[in-house]
Amino acid sequence: GSPNYIFGIYDGRTARNDTPPEALPGSNKITALFRDWFVRHQLPWDYTGFDGRSDYFPFLAGGIVAGGLFSGADDVKTQQER
C-alpha cells in the first residue's frame, strides 16, 4: 500500500494499441466488474491506465487478459482525491 493510496481500477480501454485483440474483451470485463463493485458499495475509485509500469504488461503482450486494482504507488493525490 501507499501512504498516498487511491482505489484505482486498471482501465482495459487504455491497453497499448499493439495489444493482441483477444486480450481486450476480458480485460474490459475485469474493469467493469471492479467498477460495478465499487459503485455498488459507494466507495471512491478512479480509473488508472495500463502504463506498462507493472507486471501485467507481459500478459497483455501475450494476448492474456489482465486487470485489477492499483493503490497509487508513488503518485501524489490530486485535490479531488483527498
PDB file of N, CA and C in Angstrom:
ATOM      1  N   GLY A   1       0.801  -1.176   0.000  1.00  0.00           N
ATOM      2  CA  GLY A   1       0.000   0.000   0.000  1.00  0.00           C
ATOM      3  C   GLY A   1       0.855   1.255   0.000  1.00  0.00           C
ATOM      4  N   SER A   2       0.265   2.299  -0.376  1.00  0.00           N
ATOM      5  CA  SER A   2       0.926   3.589  -0.489  1.00  0.00           C
ATOM      6  C   SER A   2       0.343   4.556   0.532  1.00  0.00           C
ATOM      7  N   PRO A   3       1.174   5.410   1.144  1.00  0.00           N
ATOM      8  CA  PRO A   3       0.599   6.414   2.025  1.00  0.00           C
ATOM      9  C   PRO A   3      -0.276   7.405   1.259  1.00  0.00           C
ATOM     10  N   ASN A   4      -0.126   7.431  -0.035  1.00  0.00           N
ATOM     11  CA  ASN A   4      -0.924   8.282  -0.918  1.00  0.00           C
ATOM     12  C   ASN A   4      -1.971   7.448  -1.645  1.00  0.00           C
ATOM     13  N   TYR A   5      -2.488   6.422  -0.978  1.00  0.00           N
ATOM     14  CA  TYR A   5      -3.327   5.428  -1.650  1.00  0.00           C
ATOM     15  C   TYR A   5      -4.553   6.024  -2.337  1.00  0.00           C
ATOM     16  N   ILE A   6      -4.946   5.341  -3.387  1.00  0.00           N
ATOM     17  CA  ILE A   6      -6.224   5.563  -4.056  1.00  0.00           C
ATOM     18  C   ILE A   6      -6.794   4.189  -4.359  1.00  0.00           C
ATOM     19  N   PHE A   7      -8.064   4.109  -4.668  1.00  0.00           N
ATOM     20  CA  PHE A   7      -8.651   2.889  -5.187  1.00  0.00           C
ATOM     21  C   PHE A   7      -8.702   3.046  -6.699  1.00  0.00           C
ATOM     22  N   GLY A   8      -7.667   2.590  -7.361  1.00  0.00           N
ATOM     23  CA  GLY A   8      -7.582   2.700  -8.805  1.00  0.00           C
ATOM     24  C   GLY A   8      -7.939   1.385  -9.469  1.00  0.00           C
ATOM     25  N   ILE A   9      -8.672   1.460 -10.548  1.00  0.00           N
ATOM     26  CA  ILE A   9      -9.047   0.281 -11.329  1.00  0.00           C
ATOM     27  C   ILE A   9      -8.357   0.390 -12.678  1.00  0.00           C
ATOM     28  N   TYR A  10      -7.550  -0.627 -13.013  1.00  0.00           N
ATOM     29  CA  TYR A  10      -6.914  -0.610 -14.330  1.00  0.00           C
ATOM     30  C   TYR A  10      -7.987  -0.579 -15.409  1.00  0.00           C
ATOM     31  N   ASP A  11      -7.854   0.359 -16.319  1.00  0.00           N
ATOM     32  CA  ASP A  11      -8.840   0.592 -17.372  1.00  0.00           C
ATOM     33  C   ASP A  11      -8.429  -0.162 -18.627  1.00  0.00           C
ATOM     34  N   GLY A  12      -9.153  -1.230 -18.938  1.00  0.00           N
ATOM     35  CA  GLY A  12      -8.845  -2.041 -20.110  1.00  0.00           C
ATOM     36  C   GLY A  12      -8.853  -1.264 -21.411  1.00  0.00           C
ATOM     37  N   ARG A  13      -9.561  -0.149 -21.450  1.00  0.00           N
ATOM     38  CA  ARG A  13      -9.615   0.660 -22.675  1.00  0.00           C
ATOM     39  C   ARG A  13      -8.299   1.360 -22.961  1.00  0.00           C
ATOM     40  N   THR A  14      -7.374   1.383 -21.983  1.00  0.00           N
ATOM     41  CA  THR A  14      -6.103   2.081 -22.172  1.00  0.00           C
ATOM     42  C   THR A  14      -4.955   1.142 -22.514  1.00  0.00           C
ATOM     43  N   ALA A  15      -5.265  -0.112 -22.822  1.00  0.00           N
ATOM     44  CA  ALA A  15      -4.207  -1.041 -23.234  1.00  0.00           C
ATOM     45  C   ALA A  15      -3.538  -0.508 -24.497  1.00  0.00           C
ATOM     46  N   ARG A  16      -2.250  -0.783 -24.619  1.00  0.00           N
ATOM     47  CA  ARG A  16      -1.493  -0.294 -25.776  1.00  0.00           C
ATOM     48  C   ARG A  16      -2.135  -0.741 -27.086  1.00  0.00           C
ATOM     49  N   ASN A  17      -1.934   0.047 -28.119  1.00  0.00           N
ATOM     50  CA  ASN A  17      -2.522  -0.248 -29.434  1.00  0.00           C
ATOM     51  C   ASN A  17      -2.050  -1.571 -30.006  1.00  0.00           C
ATOM     52  N   ASP A  18      -0.857  -2.021 -29.613  1.00  0.00           N
ATOM     53  CA  ASP A  18      -0.346  -3.283 -30.145  1.00  0.00           C
ATOM     54  C   ASP A  18      -0.729  -4.494 -29.287  1.00  0.00           C
ATOM     55  N   THR A  19      -1.639  -4.302 -28.326  1.00  0.00           N
ATOM     56  CA  THR A  19      -2.129  -5.421 -27.520  1.00  0.00           C
ATOM     57  C   THR A  19      -2.931  -6.356 -28.418  1.00  0.00           C
ATOM     58  N   PRO A  20      -2.644  -7.666 -28.382  1.00  0.00           N
ATOM     59  CA  PRO A  20      -3.427  -8.599 -29.193  1.00  0.00           C
ATOM     60  C   PRO A  20      -4.919  -8.476 -28.873  1.00  0.00           C
ATOM     61  N   PRO A  21      -5.750  -8.459 -29.900  1.00  0.00           N
ATOM     62  CA  PRO A  21      -7.182  -8.207 -29.688  1.00  0.00           C
ATOM     63  C   PRO A  21      -7.873  -9.218 -28.787  1.00  0.00           C
ATOM     64  N   GLU A  22      -7.358 -10.431 -28.690  1.00  0.00           N
ATOM     65  CA  GLU A  22      -8.025 -11.427 -27.847  1.00  0.00           C
ATOM     66  C   GLU A  22      -7.936 -11.086 -26.355  1.00  0.00           C
ATOM     67  N   ALA A  23      -7.027 -10.199 -25.967  1.00  0.00           N
ATOM     68  CA  ALA A  23      -6.894  -9.821 -24.554  1.00  0.00           C
ATOM     69  C   ALA A  23      -7.855  -8.702 -24.154  1.00  0.00           C
ATOM     70  N   LEU A  24      -8.407  -7.999 -25.112  1.00  0.00           N
ATOM     71  CA  LEU A  24      -9.175  -6.790 -24.799  1.00  0.00           C
ATOM     72  C   LEU A  24     -10.556  -7.034 -24.184  1.00  0.00           C
ATOM     73  N   PRO A  25     -11.399  -7.919 -24.732  1.00  0.00           N
ATOM     74  CA  PRO A  25     -12.733  -8.075 -24.129  1.00  0.00           C
ATOM     75  C   PRO A  25     -12.685  -8.507 -22.663  1.00  0.00           C
ATOM     76  N   GLY A  26     -11.829  -9.453 -22.340  1.00  0.00           N
ATOM     77  CA  GLY A  26     -11.725  -9.911 -20.955  1.00  0.00           C
ATOM     78  C   GLY A  26     -11.158  -8.851 -20.035  1.00  0.00           C
ATOM     79  N   SER A  27     -10.185  -8.092 -20.529  1.00  0.00           N
ATOM     80  CA  SER A  27      -9.606  -7.006 -19.729  1.00  0.00           C
ATOM     81  C   SER A  27     -10.656  -5.942 -19.439  1.00  0.00           C
ATOM     82  N   ASN A  28     -11.473  -5.625 -20.430  1.00  0.00           N
ATOM     83  CA  ASN A  28     -12.560  -4.662 -20.228  1.00  0.00           C
ATOM     84  C   ASN A  28     -13.610  -5.204 -19.259  1.00  0.00           C
ATOM     85  N   LYS A  29     -13.839  -6.506 -19.286  1.00  0.00           N
ATOM     86  CA  LYS A  29     -14.794  -7.129 -18.364  1.00  0.00           C
ATOM     87  C   LYS A  29     -14.300  -7.013 -16.923  1.00  0.00           C
ATOM     88  N   ILE A  30     -12.995  -7.238 -16.708  1.00  0.00           N
ATOM     89  CA  ILE A  30     -12.429  -7.088 -15.364  1.00  0.00           C
ATOM     90  C   ILE A  30     -12.618  -5.656 -14.879  1.00  0.00           C
ATOM     91  N   THR A  31     -12.341  -4.697 -15.753  1.00  0.00           N
ATOM     92  CA  THR A  31     -12.537  -3.285 -15.405  1.00  0.00           C
ATOM     93  C   THR A  31     -13.978  -3.050 -14.956  1.00  0.00           C
ATOM     94  N   ALA A  32     -14.929  -3.545 -15.720  1.00  0.00           N
ATOM     95  CA  ALA A  32     -16.348  -3.342 -15.409  1.00  0.00           C
ATOM     96  C   ALA A  32     -16.741  -4.019 -14.097  1.00  0.00           C
ATOM     97  N   LEU A  33     -16.214  -5.212 -13.838  1.00  0.00           N
ATOM     98  CA  LEU A  33     -16.543  -5.913 -12.594  1.00  0.00           C
ATOM     99  C   LEU A  33     -16.086  -5.120 -11.371  1.00  0.00           C
ATOM    100  N   PHE A  34     -14.846  -4.635 -11.402  1.00  0.00           N
ATOM    101  CA  PHE A  34     -14.355  -3.834 -10.277  1.00  0.00           C
ATOM    102  C   PHE A  34     -15.121  -2.523 -10.160  1.00  0.00           C
ATOM    103  N   ARG A  35     -15.352  -1.840 -11.276  1.00  0.00           N
ATOM    104  CA  ARG A  35     -16.088  -0.571 -11.253  1.00  0.00           C
ATOM    105  C   ARG A  35     -17.469  -0.768 -10.629  1.00  0.00           C
ATOM    106  N   ASP A  36     -18.178  -1.787 -11.087  1.00  0.00           N
ATOM    107  CA  ASP A  36     -19.527  -2.039 -10.580  1.00  0.00           C
ATOM    108  C   ASP A  36     -19.517  -2.348  -9.083  1.00  0.00           C
ATOM    109  N   TRP A  37     -18.500  -3.078  -8.617  1.00  0.00           N
ATOM    110  CA  TRP A  37     -18.403  -3.401  -7.193  1.00  0.00           C
ATOM    111  C   TRP A  37     -18.206  -2.132  -6.367  1.00  0.00           C
ATOM    112  N   PHE A  38     -17.277  -1.273  -6.784  1.00  0.00           N
ATOM    113  CA  PHE A  38     -17.031  -0.030  -6.043  1.00  0.00           C
ATOM    114  C   PHE A  38     -18.265   0.874  -6.060  1.00  0.00           C
ATOM    115  N   VAL A  39     -18.937   0.955  -7.185  1.00  0.00           N
ATOM    116  CA  VAL A  39     -20.150   1.774  -7.275  1.00  0.00           C
ATOM    117  C   VAL A  39     -21.234   1.207  -6.353  1.00  0.00           C
ATOM    118  N   ARG A  40     -21.439  -0.107  -6.406  1.00  0.00           N
ATOM    119  CA  ARG A  40     -22.472  -0.747  -5.589  1.00  0.00           C
ATOM    120  C   ARG A  40     -22.225  -0.517  -4.093  1.00  0.00           C
ATOM    121  N   HIS A  41     -20.955  -0.485  -3.690  1.00  0.00           N
ATOM    122  CA  HIS A  41     -20.610  -0.292  -2.281  1.00  0.00           C
ATOM    123  C   HIS A  41     -20.336   1.174  -1.928  1.00  0.00           C
ATOM    124  N   GLN A  42     -20.611   2.055  -2.875  1.00  0.00           N
ATOM    125  CA  GLN A  42     -20.476   3.507  -2.685  1.00  0.00           C
ATOM    126  C   GLN A  42     -19.101   3.893  -2.136  1.00  0.00           C
ATOM    127  N   LEU A  43     -18.065   3.309  -2.742  1.00  0.00           N
ATOM    128  CA  LEU A  43     -16.684   3.612  -2.368  1.00  0.00           C
ATOM    129  C   LEU A  43     -16.042   4.479  -3.442  1.00  0.00           C
ATOM    130  N   PRO A  44     -15.135   5.356  -3.046  1.00  0.00           N
ATOM    131  CA  PRO A  44     -14.458   6.200  -4.041  1.00  0.00           C
ATOM    132  C   PRO A  44     -13.493   5.363  -4.875  1.00  0.00           C
ATOM    133  N   TRP A  45     -13.381   5.685  -6.147  1.00  0.00           N
ATOM    134  CA  TRP A  45     -12.473   4.968  -7.037  1.00  0.00           C
ATOM    135  C   TRP A  45     -12.185   5.855  -8.229  1.00  0.00           C
ATOM    136  N   ASP A  46     -11.194   5.450  -9.003  1.00  0.00           N
ATOM    137  CA  ASP A  46     -10.873   6.149 -10.241  1.00  0.00           C
ATOM    138  C   ASP A  46     -10.219   5.148 -11.179  1.00  0.00           C
ATOM    139  N   TYR A  47     -10.292   5.444 -12.458  1.00  0.00           N
ATOM    140  CA  TYR A  47      -9.583   4.616 -13.430  1.00  0.00           C
ATOM    141  C   TYR A  47      -8.098   4.937 -13.384  1.00  0.00           C
ATOM    142  N   THR A  48      -7.286   3.946 -13.684  1.00  0.00           N
ATOM    143  CA  THR A  48      -5.864   4.162 -13.905  1.00  0.00           C
ATOM    144  C   THR A  48      -5.487   3.414 -15.176  1.00  0.00           C
ATOM    145  N   GLY A  49      -4.589   3.986 -15.929  1.00  0.00           N
ATOM    146  CA  GLY A  49      -4.245   3.415 -17.222  1.00  0.00           C
ATOM    147  C   GLY A  49      -3.223   2.299 -17.140  1.00  0.00           C
ATOM    148  N   PHE A  50      -3.259   1.445 -18.134  1.00  0.00           N
ATOM    149  CA  PHE A  50      -2.202   0.451 -18.317  1.00  0.00           C
ATOM    150  C   PHE A  50      -1.003   1.203 -18.885  1.00  0.00           C
ATOM    151  N   ASP A  51      -0.093   1.613 -18.009  1.00  0.00           N
ATOM    152  CA  ASP A  51       1.037   2.431 -18.461  1.00  0.00           C
ATOM    153  C   ASP A  51       2.325   1.639 -18.647  1.00  0.00           C
ATOM    154  N   GLY A  52       2.280   0.322 -18.463  1.00  0.00           N
ATOM    155  CA  GLY A  52       3.459  -0.512 -18.665  1.00  0.00           C
ATOM    156  C   GLY A  52       4.388  -0.584 -17.471  1.00  0.00           C
ATOM    157  N   ARG A  53       4.009   0.000 -16.337  1.00  0.00           N
ATOM    158  CA  ARG A  53       4.888   0.027 -15.166  1.00  0.00           C
ATOM    159  C   ARG A  53       4.699  -1.163 -14.240  1.00  0.00           C
ATOM    160  N   SER A  54       3.897  -2.118 -14.587  1.00  0.00           N
ATOM    161  CA  SER A  54       3.634  -3.231 -13.685  1.00  0.00           C
ATOM    162  C   SER A  54       3.843  -4.551 -14.407  1.00  0.00           C
ATOM    163  N   ASP A  55       3.637  -5.634 -13.677  1.00  0.00           N
ATOM    164  CA  ASP A  55       3.888  -6.950 -14.248  1.00  0.00           C
ATOM    165  C   ASP A  55       2.755  -7.460 -15.129  1.00  0.00           C
ATOM    166  N   TYR A  56       1.711  -6.671 -15.351  1.00  0.00           N
ATOM    167  CA  TYR A  56       0.632  -7.093 -16.247  1.00  0.00           C
ATOM    168  C   TYR A  56       1.044  -7.018 -17.713  1.00  0.00           C
ATOM    169  N   PHE A  57       2.040  -6.185 -18.033  1.00  0.00           N
ATOM    170  CA  PHE A  57       2.387  -5.932 -19.433  1.00  0.00           C
ATOM    171  C   PHE A  57       2.709  -7.203 -20.219  1.00  0.00           C
ATOM    172  N   PRO A  58       3.549  -8.121 -19.706  1.00  0.00           N
ATOM    173  CA  PRO A  58       3.831  -9.331 -20.488  1.00  0.00           C
ATOM    174  C   PRO A  58       2.585 -10.176 -20.756  1.00  0.00           C
ATOM    175  N   PHE A  59       1.643 -10.148 -19.828  1.00  0.00           N
ATOM    176  CA  PHE A  59       0.408 -10.898 -20.045  1.00  0.00           C
ATOM    177  C   PHE A  59      -0.379 -10.301 -21.209  1.00  0.00           C
ATOM    178  N   LEU A  60      -0.594  -8.992 -21.166  1.00  0.00           N
ATOM    179  CA  LEU A  60      -1.316  -8.340 -22.264  1.00  0.00           C
ATOM    180  C   LEU A  60      -0.588  -8.545 -23.587  1.00  0.00           C
ATOM    181  N   ALA A  61       0.732  -8.395 -23.575  1.00  0.00           N
ATOM    182  CA  ALA A  61       1.513  -8.559 -24.804  1.00  0.00           C
ATOM    183  C   ALA A  61       1.382  -9.968 -25.355  1.00  0.00           C
ATOM    184  N   GLY A  62       1.156 -10.945 -24.470  1.00  0.00           N
ATOM    185  CA  GLY A  62       0.977 -12.330 -24.891  1.00  0.00           C
ATOM    186  C   GLY A  62      -0.462 -12.686 -25.204  1.00  0.00           C
ATOM    187  N   GLY A  63      -1.354 -11.696 -25.196  1.00  0.00           N
ATOM    188  CA  GLY A  63      -2.757 -11.948 -25.517  1.00  0.00           C
ATOM    189  C   GLY A  63      -3.559 -12.490 -24.354  1.00  0.00           C
ATOM    190  N   ILE A  64      -3.015 -12.376 -23.142  1.00  0.00           N
ATOM    191  CA  ILE A  64      -3.683 -12.887 -21.946  1.00  0.00           C
ATOM    192  C   ILE A  64      -4.389 -11.729 -21.238  1.00  0.00           C
ATOM    193  N   VAL A  65      -5.612 -11.966 -20.864  1.00  0.00           N
ATOM    194  CA  VAL A  65      -6.437 -10.968 -20.176  1.00  0.00           C
ATOM    195  C   VAL A  65      -5.740 -10.493 -18.899  1.00  0.00           C
ATOM    196  N   ALA A  66      -5.825  -9.197 -18.627  1.00  0.00           N
ATOM    197  CA  ALA A  66      -5.249  -8.635 -17.401  1.00  0.00           C
ATOM    198  C   ALA A  66      -6.167  -7.546 -16.866  1.00  0.00           C
ATOM    199  N   GLY A  67      -6.066  -7.310 -15.588  1.00  0.00           N
ATOM    200  CA  GLY A  67      -6.832  -6.254 -14.947  1.00  0.00           C
ATOM    201  C   GLY A  67      -6.602  -6.304 -13.459  1.00  0.00           C
ATOM    202  N   GLY A  68      -7.188  -5.372 -12.751  1.00  0.00           N
ATOM    203  CA  GLY A  68      -7.043  -5.385 -11.309  1.00  0.00           C
ATOM    204  C   GLY A  68      -7.088  -4.009 -10.705  1.00  0.00           C
ATOM    205  N   LEU A  69      -6.513  -3.920  -9.510  1.00  0.00           N
ATOM    206  CA  LEU A  69      -6.547  -2.685  -8.738  1.00  0.00           C
ATOM    207  C   LEU A  69      -5.161  -2.080  -8.634  1.00  0.00           C
ATOM    208  N   PHE A  70      -5.123  -0.785  -8.416  1.00  0.00           N
ATOM    209  CA  PHE A  70      -3.894  -0.012  -8.306  1.00  0.00           C
ATOM    210  C   PHE A  70      -3.998   0.842  -7.055  1.00  0.00           C
ATOM    211  N   SER A  71      -2.957   0.832  -6.225  1.00  0.00           N
ATOM    212  CA  SER A  71      -3.029   1.529  -4.933  1.00  0.00           C
ATOM    213  C   SER A  71      -2.574   2.978  -4.970  1.00  0.00           C
ATOM    214  N   GLY A  72      -1.916   3.383  -6.032  1.00  0.00           N
ATOM    215  CA  GLY A  72      -1.441   4.754  -6.115  1.00  0.00           C
ATOM    216  C   GLY A  72       0.063   4.863  -6.192  1.00  0.00           C
ATOM    217  N   ALA A  73       0.791   3.857  -5.734  1.00  0.00           N
ATOM    218  CA  ALA A  73       2.258   3.809  -5.788  1.00  0.00           C
ATOM    219  C   ALA A  73       2.876   5.115  -5.315  1.00  0.00           C
ATOM    220  N   ASP A  74       3.692   5.725  -6.176  1.00  0.00           N
ATOM    221  CA  ASP A  74       4.408   6.932  -5.776  1.00  0.00           C
ATOM    222  C   ASP A  74       3.733   8.209  -6.259  1.00  0.00           C
ATOM    223  N   ASP A  75       2.552   8.091  -6.810  1.00  0.00           N
ATOM    224  CA  ASP A  75       1.829   9.269  -7.279  1.00  0.00           C
ATOM    225  C   ASP A  75       1.321  10.090  -6.096  1.00  0.00           C
ATOM    226  N   VAL A  76       1.181  11.372  -6.304  1.00  0.00           N
ATOM    227  CA  VAL A  76       0.608  12.267  -5.296  1.00  0.00           C
ATOM    228  C   VAL A  76      -0.873  12.442  -5.606  1.00  0.00           C
ATOM    229  N   LYS A  77      -1.697  12.363  -4.573  1.00  0.00           N
ATOM    230  CA  LYS A  77      -3.132  12.526  -4.769  1.00  0.00           C
ATOM    231  C   LYS A  77      -3.450  13.923  -5.292  1.00  0.00           C
ATOM    232  N   THR A  78      -4.464  13.977  -6.143  1.00  0.00           N
ATOM    233  CA  THR A  78      -4.979  15.271  -6.577  1.00  0.00           C
ATOM    234  C   THR A  78      -5.843  15.845  -5.453  1.00  0.00           C
ATOM    235  N   GLN A  79      -6.191  17.115  -5.545  1.00  0.00           N
ATOM    236  CA  GLN A  79      -7.083  17.722  -4.551  1.00  0.00           C
ATOM    237  C   GLN A  79      -8.411  16.983  -4.500  1.00  0.00           C
ATOM    238  N   GLN A  80      -8.901  16.558  -5.654  1.00  0.00           N
ATOM    239  CA  GLN A  80     -10.186  15.859  -5.723  1.00  0.00           C
ATOM    240  C   GLN A  80     -10.111  14.494  -5.037  1.00  0.00           C
ATOM    241  N   GLU A  81      -8.944  13.826  -5.085  1.00  0.00           N
ATOM    242  CA  GLU A  81      -8.797  12.504  -4.483  1.00  0.00           C
ATOM    243  C   GLU A  81      -8.620  12.564  -2.965  1.00  0.00           C
ATOM    244  N   ARG A  82      -8.285  13.712  -2.421  1.00  0.00           N
ATOM    245  CA  ARG A  82      -8.029  13.830  -0.970  1.00  0.00           C
ATOM    246  C   ARG A  82      -9.288  13.819  -0.165  1.00  0.00           C
TER     247      ARG A  82
END
